[in-house]
Amino acid sequence: KLYMAALSASKYNPSCKALKERMEKRGKHHEKIRIAVASKLLRQIFAV
């Protein structure tokens, strides 16, 4: 579920979008980017 939510977070969540763009510049594979975004999203949920 978090993996699927990462698609939307990559577009509309500023921190997740910035993470995606940084990883893309470093040439990371799209699946690893999506997992990193999912992790970021869960960390935001935890903090809130």
All heavy atoms as atom14 arrays in JSON, in Angstrom:
{
  "sequence": "KLYMAALSASKYNPSCKALKERMEKRGKHHEKIRIAVASKLLRQIFAV",
  "atom14_mask": [
    [1, 1, 1, 1, 1, 1, 1, 1, 1, 0, 0, 0, 0, 0],
    [1, 1, 1, 1, 1, 1, 1, 1, 0, 0, 0, 0, 0, 0],
    [1, 1, 1, 1, 1, 1, 1, 1, 1, 1, 1, 1, 0, 0],
    [1, 1, 1, 1, 1, 1, 1, 1, 0, 0, 0, 0, 0, 0],
    [1, 1, 1, 1, 1, 0, 0, 0, 0, 0, 0, 0, 0, 0],
    [1, 1, 1, 1, 1, 0, 0, 0, 0, 0, 0, 0, 0, 0],
    [1, 1, 1, 1, 1, 1, 1, 1, 0, 0, 0, 0, 0, 0],
    [1, 1, 1, 1, 1, 1, 0, 0, 0, 0, 0, 0, 0, 0],
    [1, 1, 1, 1, 1, 0, 0, 0, 0, 0, 0, 0, 0, 0],
    [1, 1, 1, 1, 1, 1, 0, 0, 0, 0, 0, 0, 0, 0],
    [1, 1, 1, 1, 1, 1, 1, 1, 1, 0, 0, 0, 0, 0],
    [1, 1, 1, 1, 1, 1, 1, 1, 1, 1, 1, 1, 0, 0],
    [1, 1, 1, 1, 1, 1, 1, 1, 0, 0, 0, 0, 0, 0],
    [1, 1, 1, 1, 1, 1, 1, 0, 0, 0, 0, 0, 0, 0],
    [1, 1, 1, 1, 1, 1, 0, 0, 0, 0, 0, 0, 0, 0],
    [1, 1, 1, 1, 1, 1, 0, 0, 0, 0, 0, 0, 0, 0],
    [1, 1, 1, 1, 1, 1, 1, 1, 1, 0, 0, 0, 0, 0],
    [1, 1, 1, 1, 1, 0, 0, 0, 0, 0, 0, 0, 0, 0],
    [1, 1, 1, 1, 1, 1, 1, 1, 0, 0, 0, 0, 0, 0],
    [1, 1, 1, 1, 1, 1, 1, 1, 1, 0, 0, 0, 0, 0],
    [1, 1, 1, 1, 1, 1, 1, 1, 1, 0, 0, 0, 0, 0],
    [1, 1, 1, 1, 1, 1, 1, 1, 1, 1, 1, 0, 0, 0],
    [1, 1, 1, 1, 1, 1, 1, 1, 0, 0, 0, 0, 0, 0],
    [1, 1, 1, 1, 1, 1, 1, 1, 1, 0, 0, 0, 0, 0],
    [1, 1, 1, 1, 1, 1, 1, 1, 1, 0, 0, 0, 0, 0],
    [1, 1, 1, 1, 1, 1, 1, 1, 1, 1, 1, 0, 0, 0],
    [1, 1, 1, 1, 0, 0, 0, 0, 0, 0, 0, 0, 0, 0],
    [1, 1, 1, 1, 1, 1, 1, 1, 1, 0, 0, 0, 0, 0],
    [1, 1, 1, 1, 1, 1, 1, 1, 1, 1, 0, 0, 0, 0],
    [1, 1, 1, 1, 1, 1, 1, 1, 1, 1, 0, 0, 0, 0],
    [1, 1, 1, 1, 1, 1, 1, 1, 1, 0, 0, 0, 0, 0],
    [1, 1, 1, 1, 1, 1, 1, 1, 1, 0, 0, 0, 0, 0],
    [1, 1, 1, 1, 1, 1, 1, 1, 0, 0, 0, 0, 0, 0],
    [1, 1, 1, 1, 1, 1, 1, 1, 1, 1, 1, 0, 0, 0],
    [1, 1, 1, 1, 1, 1, 1, 1, 0, 0, 0, 0, 0, 0],
    [1, 1, 1, 1, 1, 0, 0, 0, 0, 0, 0, 0, 0, 0],
    [1, 1, 1, 1, 1, 1, 1, 0, 0, 0, 0, 0, 0, 0],
    [1, 1, 1, 1, 1, 0, 0, 0, 0, 0, 0, 0, 0, 0],
    [1, 1, 1, 1, 1, 1, 0, 0, 0, 0, 0, 0, 0, 0],
    [1, 1, 1, 1, 1, 1, 1, 1, 1, 0, 0, 0, 0, 0],
    [1, 1, 1, 1, 1, 1, 1, 1, 0, 0, 0, 0, 0, 0],
    [1, 1, 1, 1, 1, 1, 1, 1, 0, 0, 0, 0, 0, 0],
    [1, 1, 1, 1, 1, 1, 1, 1, 1, 1, 1, 0, 0, 0],
    [1, 1, 1, 1, 1, 1, 1, 1, 1, 0, 0, 0, 0, 0],
    [1, 1, 1, 1, 1, 1, 1, 1, 0, 0, 0, 0, 0, 0],
    [1, 1, 1, 1, 1, 1, 1, 1, 1, 1, 1, 0, 0, 0],
    [1, 1, 1, 1, 1, 0, 0, 0, 0, 0, 0, 0, 0, 0],
    [1, 1, 1, 1, 1, 1, 1, 0, 0, 0, 0, 0, 0, 0]
  ],
  "atom14_positions": [
    [[0.83, -1.21, 0.0], [0.0, 0.0, 0.0], [0.87, 1.27, 0.0], [0.57, 2.24, -0.69], [-0.94, 0.01, 1.21], [-1.9, -1.17, 1.25], [-2.65, -1.33, -0.05], [-3.42, -2.63, -0.11], [-3.91, -2.93, -1.47], [0.0, 0.0, 0.0], [0.0, 0.0, 0.0], [0.0, 0.0, 0.0], [0.0, 0.0, 0.0], [0.0, 0.0, 0.0]],
    [[1.95, 1.25, 0.78], [2.86, 2.39, 0.79], [3.58, 2.53, -0.55], [3.84, 3.64, -1.01], [3.87, 2.23, 1.93], [3.32, 2.47, 3.34], [4.26, 1.9, 4.39], [3.09, 3.96, 3.58], [0.0, 0.0, 0.0], [0.0, 0.0, 0.0], [0.0, 0.0, 0.0], [0.0, 0.0, 0.0], [0.0, 0.0, 0.0], [0.0, 0.0, 0.0]],
    [[3.88, 1.39, -1.15], [4.54, 1.38, -2.46], [3.67, 2.07, -3.49], [4.13, 2.87, -4.31], [4.83, -0.06, -2.85], [5.68, -0.23, -4.08], [7.04, 0.07, -4.07], [5.14, -0.72, -5.27], [7.83, -0.1, -5.2], [5.91, -0.89, -6.4], [7.25, -0.58, -6.36], [8.03, -0.75, -7.48], [0.0, 0.0, 0.0], [0.0, 0.0, 0.0]],
    [[2.36, 1.79, -3.46], [1.43, 2.43, -4.39], [1.27, 3.92, -4.06], [1.22, 4.77, -4.96], [0.06, 1.74, -4.33], [0.07, 0.31, -4.84], [0.64, 0.18, -6.57], [-0.66, 1.09, -7.41], [0.0, 0.0, 0.0], [0.0, 0.0, 0.0], [0.0, 0.0, 0.0], [0.0, 0.0, 0.0], [0.0, 0.0, 0.0], [0.0, 0.0, 0.0]],
    [[1.22, 4.24, -2.76], [1.06, 5.64, -2.36], [2.25, 6.49, -2.77], [2.13, 7.71, -2.96], [0.86, 5.72, -0.84], [0.0, 0.0, 0.0], [0.0, 0.0, 0.0], [0.0, 0.0, 0.0], [0.0, 0.0, 0.0], [0.0, 0.0, 0.0], [0.0, 0.0, 0.0], [0.0, 0.0, 0.0], [0.0, 0.0, 0.0], [0.0, 0.0, 0.0]],
    [[3.41, 5.86, -2.91], [4.63, 6.58, -3.29], [4.5, 7.26, -4.65], [5.15, 8.28, -4.91], [5.83, 5.63, -3.28], [0.0, 0.0, 0.0], [0.0, 0.0, 0.0], [0.0, 0.0, 0.0], [0.0, 0.0, 0.0], [0.0, 0.0, 0.0], [0.0, 0.0, 0.0], [0.0, 0.0, 0.0], [0.0, 0.0, 0.0], [0.0, 0.0, 0.0]],
    [[3.68, 6.72, -5.54], [3.48, 7.32, -6.85], [2.9, 8.73, -6.72], [3.37, 9.68, -7.34], [2.54, 6.45, -7.69], [3.11, 5.16, -8.26], [2.01, 4.34, -8.92], [4.21, 5.47, -9.27], [0.0, 0.0, 0.0], [0.0, 0.0, 0.0], [0.0, 0.0, 0.0], [0.0, 0.0, 0.0], [0.0, 0.0, 0.0], [0.0, 0.0, 0.0]],
    [[1.86, 8.86, -5.91], [1.24, 10.16, -5.7], [2.16, 11.08, -4.9], [2.29, 12.28, -5.22], [-0.09, 9.97, -4.95], [-0.66, 11.21, -4.62], [0.0, 0.0, 0.0], [0.0, 0.0, 0.0], [0.0, 0.0, 0.0], [0.0, 0.0, 0.0], [0.0, 0.0, 0.0], [0.0, 0.0, 0.0], [0.0, 0.0, 0.0], [0.0, 0.0, 0.0]],
    [[2.81, 10.52, -3.86], [3.71, 11.33, -3.03], [4.86, 11.91, -3.84], [5.31, 13.03, -3.59], [4.24, 10.48, -1.88], [0.0, 0.0, 0.0], [0.0, 0.0, 0.0], [0.0, 0.0, 0.0], [0.0, 0.0, 0.0], [0.0, 0.0, 0.0], [0.0, 0.0, 0.0], [0.0, 0.0, 0.0], [0.0, 0.0, 0.0], [0.0, 0.0, 0.0]],
    [[5.33, 11.16, -4.84], [6.44, 11.63, -5.68], [6.08, 12.87, -6.49], [6.95, 13.64, -6.9], [6.87, 10.52, -6.65], [7.39, 9.43, -5.95], [0.0, 0.0, 0.0], [0.0, 0.0, 0.0], [0.0, 0.0, 0.0], [0.0, 0.0, 0.0], [0.0, 0.0, 0.0], [0.0, 0.0, 0.0], [0.0, 0.0, 0.0], [0.0, 0.0, 0.0]],
    [[4.78, 13.06, -6.72], [4.33, 14.19, -7.52], [3.89, 15.37, -6.67], [4.14, 16.53, -7.01], [3.15, 13.77, -8.41], [3.5, 12.73, -9.46], [2.26, 12.35, -10.26], [2.56, 11.3, -11.32], [1.34, 10.91, -12.07], [0.0, 0.0, 0.0], [0.0, 0.0, 0.0], [0.0, 0.0, 0.0], [0.0, 0.0, 0.0], [0.0, 0.0, 0.0]],
    [[3.21, 15.08, -5.53], [2.53, 16.16, -4.82], [3.07, 16.45, -3.41], [2.69, 17.45, -2.81], [1.03, 15.82, -4.71], [0.41, 15.55, -6.06], [-0.03, 14.27, -6.4], [0.26, 16.57, -6.99], [-0.58, 14.02, -7.65], [-0.3, 16.33, -8.24], [-0.73, 15.04, -8.56], [-1.27, 14.79, -9.79], [0.0, 0.0, 0.0], [0.0, 0.0, 0.0]],
    [[3.91, 15.57, -2.87], [4.49, 15.79, -1.55], [5.87, 16.41, -1.74], [6.77, 15.76, -2.29], [4.59, 14.43, -0.83], [5.07, 14.56, 0.59], [6.08, 15.19, 0.87], [4.37, 13.9, 1.51], [0.0, 0.0, 0.0], [0.0, 0.0, 0.0], [0.0, 0.0, 0.0], [0.0, 0.0, 0.0], [0.0, 0.0, 0.0], [0.0, 0.0, 0.0]],
    [[6.09, 17.67, -1.35], [7.36, 18.36, -1.66], [8.62, 17.59, -1.25], [9.57, 17.5, -2.03], [7.23, 19.68, -0.89], [5.77, 19.91, -0.78], [5.15, 18.55, -0.63], [0.0, 0.0, 0.0], [0.0, 0.0, 0.0], [0.0, 0.0, 0.0], [0.0, 0.0, 0.0], [0.0, 0.0, 0.0], [0.0, 0.0, 0.0], [0.0, 0.0, 0.0]],
    [[8.65, 17.06, -0.03], [9.84, 16.34, 0.44], [10.07, 15.06, -0.37], [11.21, 14.74, -0.73], [9.7, 15.99, 1.92], [9.64, 17.16, 2.7], [0.0, 0.0, 0.0], [0.0, 0.0, 0.0], [0.0, 0.0, 0.0], [0.0, 0.0, 0.0], [0.0, 0.0, 0.0], [0.0, 0.0, 0.0], [0.0, 0.0, 0.0], [0.0, 0.0, 0.0]],
    [[8.99, 14.34, -0.66], [9.1, 13.11, -1.43], [9.49, 13.4, -2.88], [10.28, 12.66, -3.48], [7.78, 12.33, -1.38], [7.37, 11.69, 0.26], [0.0, 0.0, 0.0], [0.0, 0.0, 0.0], [0.0, 0.0, 0.0], [0.0, 0.0, 0.0], [0.0, 0.0, 0.0], [0.0, 0.0, 0.0], [0.0, 0.0, 0.0], [0.0, 0.0, 0.0]],
    [[8.93, 14.47, -3.42], [9.26, 14.86, -4.79], [10.74, 15.24, -4.9], [11.43, 14.85, -5.84], [8.38, 16.04, -5.22], [8.6, 16.46, -6.67], [7.67, 17.61, -7.04], [7.89, 18.03, -8.49], [7.01, 19.18, -8.85], [0.0, 0.0, 0.0], [0.0, 0.0, 0.0], [0.0, 0.0, 0.0], [0.0, 0.0, 0.0], [0.0, 0.0, 0.0]],
    [[11.23, 15.99, -3.91], [12.65, 16.39, -3.9], [13.56, 15.17, -3.78], [14.61, 15.1, -4.44], [12.91, 17.36, -2.74], [0.0, 0.0, 0.0], [0.0, 0.0, 0.0], [0.0, 0.0, 0.0], [0.0, 0.0, 0.0], [0.0, 0.0, 0.0], [0.0, 0.0, 0.0], [0.0, 0.0, 0.0], [0.0, 0.0, 0.0], [0.0, 0.0, 0.0]],
    [[13.16, 14.21, -2.96], [13.94, 12.97, -2.82], [14.0, 12.22, -4.14], [15.07, 11.76, -4.56], [13.31, 12.09, -1.73], [13.91, 10.69, -1.56], [15.38, 10.77, -1.15], [13.11, 9.88, -0.54], [0.0, 0.0, 0.0], [0.0, 0.0, 0.0], [0.0, 0.0, 0.0], [0.0, 0.0, 0.0], [0.0, 0.0, 0.0], [0.0, 0.0, 0.0]],
    [[12.86, 12.12, -4.81], [12.8, 11.44, -6.11], [13.73, 12.11, -7.12], [14.49, 11.44, -7.83], [11.36, 11.45, -6.62], [11.18, 10.92, -8.05], [9.71, 10.93, -8.41], [9.48, 10.46, -9.84], [9.78, 11.49, -10.84], [0.0, 0.0, 0.0], [0.0, 0.0, 0.0], [0.0, 0.0, 0.0], [0.0, 0.0, 0.0], [0.0, 0.0, 0.0]],
    [[13.7, 13.42, -7.17], [14.53, 14.17, -8.13], [16.02, 14.0, -7.84], [16.84, 13.87, -8.75], [14.13, 15.64, -8.12], [12.75, 15.87, -8.74], [12.24, 17.29, -8.54], [12.9, 18.05, -7.8], [11.18, 17.64, -9.11], [0.0, 0.0, 0.0], [0.0, 0.0, 0.0], [0.0, 0.0, 0.0], [0.0, 0.0, 0.0], [0.0, 0.0, 0.0]],
    [[16.38, 14.01, -6.54], [17.8, 13.81, -6.18], [18.28, 12.43, -6.6], [19.38, 12.27, -7.12], [17.98, 13.97, -4.66], [17.88, 15.39, -4.15], [18.46, 15.54, -2.76], [17.86, 14.65, -1.79], [16.78, 14.96, -1.07], [16.18, 16.14, -1.23], [16.31, 14.11, -0.19], [0.0, 0.0, 0.0], [0.0, 0.0, 0.0], [0.0, 0.0, 0.0]],
    [[17.45, 11.43, -6.37], [17.84, 10.06, -6.71], [17.89, 9.85, -8.22], [18.74, 9.11, -8.73], [16.88, 9.06, -6.05], [16.99, 9.05, -4.53], [15.96, 7.79, -3.74], [16.86, 6.29, -4.15], [0.0, 0.0, 0.0], [0.0, 0.0, 0.0], [0.0, 0.0, 0.0], [0.0, 0.0, 0.0], [0.0, 0.0, 0.0], [0.0, 0.0, 0.0]],
    [[17.0, 10.52, -8.95], [17.03, 10.43, -10.41], [18.33, 11.02, -10.97], [18.93, 10.48, -11.9], [15.82, 11.17, -11.0], [14.52, 10.39, -10.89], [13.33, 11.15, -11.42], [13.4, 12.41, -11.46], [12.33, 10.52, -11.77], [0.0, 0.0, 0.0], [0.0, 0.0, 0.0], [0.0, 0.0, 0.0], [0.0, 0.0, 0.0], [0.0, 0.0, 0.0]],
    [[18.76, 12.14, -10.38], [20.03, 12.76, -10.82], [21.22, 11.84, -10.58], [22.21, 11.89, -11.31], [20.23, 14.09, -10.09], [19.32, 15.2, -10.59], [19.57, 16.49, -9.82], [18.64, 17.6, -10.31], [18.82, 18.85, -9.54], [0.0, 0.0, 0.0], [0.0, 0.0, 0.0], [0.0, 0.0, 0.0], [0.0, 0.0, 0.0], [0.0, 0.0, 0.0]],
    [[21.12, 11.02, -9.54], [22.2, 10.08, -9.24], [22.09, 8.78, -10.04], [22.89, 7.87, -9.86], [22.23, 9.75, -7.74], [22.52, 10.97, -6.86], [23.08, 10.57, -5.51], [22.22, 9.68, -4.77], [21.3, 10.1, -3.89], [21.12, 11.4, -3.67], [20.57, 9.24, -3.24], [0.0, 0.0, 0.0], [0.0, 0.0, 0.0], [0.0, 0.0, 0.0]],
    [[21.07, 8.72, -10.9], [20.91, 7.56, -11.77], [20.33, 6.33, -11.1], [20.51, 5.2, -11.58], [0.0, 0.0, 0.0], [0.0, 0.0, 0.0], [0.0, 0.0, 0.0], [0.0, 0.0, 0.0], [0.0, 0.0, 0.0], [0.0, 0.0, 0.0], [0.0, 0.0, 0.0], [0.0, 0.0, 0.0], [0.0, 0.0, 0.0], [0.0, 0.0, 0.0]],
    [[19.6, 6.51, -10.0], [19.02, 5.37, -9.29], [17.85, 4.77, -10.07], [17.12, 5.47, -10.77], [18.54, 5.8, -7.9], [19.65, 6.31, -6.98], [20.65, 5.21, -6.65], [21.72, 5.69, -5.68], [22.71, 4.65, -5.37], [0.0, 0.0, 0.0], [0.0, 0.0, 0.0], [0.0, 0.0, 0.0], [0.0, 0.0, 0.0], [0.0, 0.0, 0.0]],
    [[17.69, 3.46, -9.92], [16.61, 2.74, -10.6], [15.26, 3.2, -10.04], [15.14, 3.52, -8.85], [16.78, 1.24, -10.38], [15.88, 0.4, -11.24], [14.6, 0.07, -10.88], [16.09, -0.17, -12.46], [14.05, -0.67, -11.83], [14.94, -0.83, -12.8], [0.0, 0.0, 0.0], [0.0, 0.0, 0.0], [0.0, 0.0, 0.0], [0.0, 0.0, 0.0]],
    [[14.23, 3.22, -10.9], [12.93, 3.77, -10.5], [12.3, 3.0, -9.34], [11.6, 3.58, -8.5], [11.98, 3.82, -11.7], [11.57, 2.47, -12.22], [10.48, 1.79, -11.73], [12.14, 1.67, -13.17], [10.37, 0.63, -12.38], [11.35, 0.54, -13.25], [0.0, 0.0, 0.0], [0.0, 0.0, 0.0], [0.0, 0.0, 0.0], [0.0, 0.0, 0.0]],
    [[12.57, 1.7, -9.26], [11.99, 0.92, -8.15], [12.62, 1.32, -6.82], [11.94, 1.39, -5.79], [12.16, -0.58, -8.4], [11.21, -1.11, -9.46], [11.2, -2.63, -9.51], [11.82, -3.26, -8.63], [10.56, -3.16, -10.42], [0.0, 0.0, 0.0], [0.0, 0.0, 0.0], [0.0, 0.0, 0.0], [0.0, 0.0, 0.0], [0.0, 0.0, 0.0]],
    [[13.94, 1.54, -6.83], [14.61, 1.97, -5.6], [14.13, 3.36, -5.18], [13.98, 3.65, -3.99], [16.12, 1.98, -5.79], [16.73, 0.58, -5.84], [18.24, 0.64, -5.77], [18.81, -0.78, -5.74], [20.28, -0.79, -5.61], [0.0, 0.0, 0.0], [0.0, 0.0, 0.0], [0.0, 0.0, 0.0], [0.0, 0.0, 0.0], [0.0, 0.0, 0.0]],
    [[13.87, 4.21, -6.17], [13.35, 5.54, -5.87], [11.98, 5.43, -5.21], [11.69, 6.11, -4.21], [13.27, 6.39, -7.16], [14.67, 6.65, -7.72], [12.53, 7.7, -6.89], [14.67, 7.33, -9.07], [0.0, 0.0, 0.0], [0.0, 0.0, 0.0], [0.0, 0.0, 0.0], [0.0, 0.0, 0.0], [0.0, 0.0, 0.0], [0.0, 0.0, 0.0]],
    [[11.15, 4.57, -5.76], [9.79, 4.43, -5.24], [9.79, 3.9, -3.81], [9.02, 4.35, -2.96], [9.01, 3.48, -6.16], [7.51, 3.6, -6.03], [6.88, 2.99, -7.23], [5.49, 2.63, -7.01], [4.76, 1.92, -7.87], [5.3, 1.51, -8.99], [3.51, 1.64, -7.6], [0.0, 0.0, 0.0], [0.0, 0.0, 0.0], [0.0, 0.0, 0.0]],
    [[10.69, 2.96, -3.53], [10.79, 2.41, -2.18], [11.3, 3.48, -1.21], [10.82, 3.6, -0.08], [11.72, 1.18, -2.17], [11.04, -0.01, -2.85], [12.11, 0.81, -0.74], [9.76, -0.48, -2.17], [0.0, 0.0, 0.0], [0.0, 0.0, 0.0], [0.0, 0.0, 0.0], [0.0, 0.0, 0.0], [0.0, 0.0, 0.0], [0.0, 0.0, 0.0]],
    [[12.28, 4.28, -1.65], [12.8, 5.35, -0.8], [11.7, 6.37, -0.48], [11.61, 6.86, 0.64], [13.97, 6.04, -1.5], [0.0, 0.0, 0.0], [0.0, 0.0, 0.0], [0.0, 0.0, 0.0], [0.0, 0.0, 0.0], [0.0, 0.0, 0.0], [0.0, 0.0, 0.0], [0.0, 0.0, 0.0], [0.0, 0.0, 0.0], [0.0, 0.0, 0.0]],
    [[10.86, 6.65, -1.47], [9.76, 7.59, -1.26], [8.74, 6.98, -0.29], [8.21, 7.68, 0.59], [9.09, 7.95, -2.6], [7.79, 8.72, -2.37], [10.04, 8.77, -3.46], [0.0, 0.0, 0.0], [0.0, 0.0, 0.0], [0.0, 0.0, 0.0], [0.0, 0.0, 0.0], [0.0, 0.0, 0.0], [0.0, 0.0, 0.0], [0.0, 0.0, 0.0]],
    [[8.47, 5.69, -0.43], [7.54, 5.01, 0.49], [8.05, 5.09, 1.92], [7.3, 5.33, 2.87], [7.36, 3.56, 0.07], [0.0, 0.0, 0.0], [0.0, 0.0, 0.0], [0.0, 0.0, 0.0], [0.0, 0.0, 0.0], [0.0, 0.0, 0.0], [0.0, 0.0, 0.0], [0.0, 0.0, 0.0], [0.0, 0.0, 0.0], [0.0, 0.0, 0.0]],
    [[9.36, 4.89, 2.08], [9.98, 4.99, 3.4], [9.86, 6.41, 3.96], [9.55, 6.62, 5.13], [11.45, 4.58, 3.31], [12.1, 4.75, 4.54], [0.0, 0.0, 0.0], [0.0, 0.0, 0.0], [0.0, 0.0, 0.0], [0.0, 0.0, 0.0], [0.0, 0.0, 0.0], [0.0, 0.0, 0.0], [0.0, 0.0, 0.0], [0.0, 0.0, 0.0]],
    [[10.11, 7.39, 3.1], [9.99, 8.8, 3.49], [8.57, 9.12, 3.94], [8.34, 9.8, 4.96], [10.36, 9.68, 2.3], [10.34, 11.18, 2.56], [11.59, 11.61, 3.27], [11.74, 13.1, 3.31], [12.94, 13.52, 4.03], [0.0, 0.0, 0.0], [0.0, 0.0, 0.0], [0.0, 0.0, 0.0], [0.0, 0.0, 0.0], [0.0, 0.0, 0.0]],
    [[7.61, 8.6, 3.2], [6.2, 8.84, 3.51], [5.84, 8.26, 4.88], [5.15, 8.9, 5.68], [5.33, 8.24, 2.41], [3.85, 8.62, 2.39], [3.69, 10.13, 2.22], [3.13, 7.87, 1.28], [0.0, 0.0, 0.0], [0.0, 0.0, 0.0], [0.0, 0.0, 0.0], [0.0, 0.0, 0.0], [0.0, 0.0, 0.0], [0.0, 0.0, 0.0]],
    [[6.31, 7.04, 5.15], [6.02, 6.41, 6.43], [6.67, 7.19, 7.58], [6.1, 7.32, 8.67], [6.49, 4.96, 6.44], [6.21, 4.16, 7.72], [4.74, 4.22, 8.1], [6.66, 2.71, 7.57], [0.0, 0.0, 0.0], [0.0, 0.0, 0.0], [0.0, 0.0, 0.0], [0.0, 0.0, 0.0], [0.0, 0.0, 0.0], [0.0, 0.0, 0.0]],
    [[7.85, 7.73, 7.35], [8.52, 8.54, 8.37], [7.71, 9.82, 8.66], [7.62, 10.25, 9.82], [9.94, 8.9, 7.91], [10.91, 7.73, 7.95], [12.19, 8.06, 7.21], [13.1, 6.92, 7.17], [14.04, 6.66, 8.07], [14.19, 7.46, 9.1], [14.8, 5.59, 7.95], [0.0, 0.0, 0.0], [0.0, 0.0, 0.0], [0.0, 0.0, 0.0]],
    [[7.14, 10.41, 7.63], [6.3, 11.58, 7.83], [5.05, 11.22, 8.64], [4.65, 11.96, 9.55], [5.89, 12.18, 6.48], [7.03, 12.83, 5.72], [6.59, 13.42, 4.4], [5.46, 13.2, 3.95], [7.46, 14.19, 3.76], [0.0, 0.0, 0.0], [0.0, 0.0, 0.0], [0.0, 0.0, 0.0], [0.0, 0.0, 0.0], [0.0, 0.0, 0.0]],
    [[4.45, 10.08, 8.29], [3.27, 9.61, 9.03], [3.62, 9.41, 10.5], [2.88, 9.8, 11.4], [2.73, 8.31, 8.4], [2.17, 8.57, 7.01], [1.66, 7.69, 9.3], [1.84, 7.31, 6.22], [0.0, 0.0, 0.0], [0.0, 0.0, 0.0], [0.0, 0.0, 0.0], [0.0, 0.0, 0.0], [0.0, 0.0, 0.0], [0.0, 0.0, 0.0]],
    [[4.77, 8.76, 10.74], [5.22, 8.5, 12.11], [5.34, 9.82, 12.89], [4.85, 9.93, 14.02], [6.56, 7.77, 12.09], [7.19, 7.59, 13.44], [6.84, 6.5, 14.23], [8.11, 8.51, 13.94], [7.41, 6.33, 15.49], [8.69, 8.34, 15.19], [8.34, 7.25, 15.97], [0.0, 0.0, 0.0], [0.0, 0.0, 0.0], [0.0, 0.0, 0.0]],
    [[6.0, 10.82, 12.31], [6.22, 12.09, 13.0], [4.9, 12.78, 13.34], [4.72, 13.32, 14.44], [7.1, 13.0, 12.14], [0.0, 0.0, 0.0], [0.0, 0.0, 0.0], [0.0, 0.0, 0.0], [0.0, 0.0, 0.0], [0.0, 0.0, 0.0], [0.0, 0.0, 0.0], [0.0, 0.0, 0.0], [0.0, 0.0, 0.0], [0.0, 0.0, 0.0]],
    [[3.98, 12.75, 12.39], [2.69, 13.42, 12.59], [1.86, 12.72, 13.66], [1.3, 13.37, 14.56], [1.93, 13.48, 11.24], [0.46, 13.78, 11.47], [2.55, 14.54, 10.33], [0.0, 0.0, 0.0], [0.0, 0.0, 0.0], [0.0, 0.0, 0.0], [0.0, 0.0, 0.0], [0.0, 0.0, 0.0], [0.0, 0.0, 0.0], [0.0, 0.0, 0.0]]
  ]
}
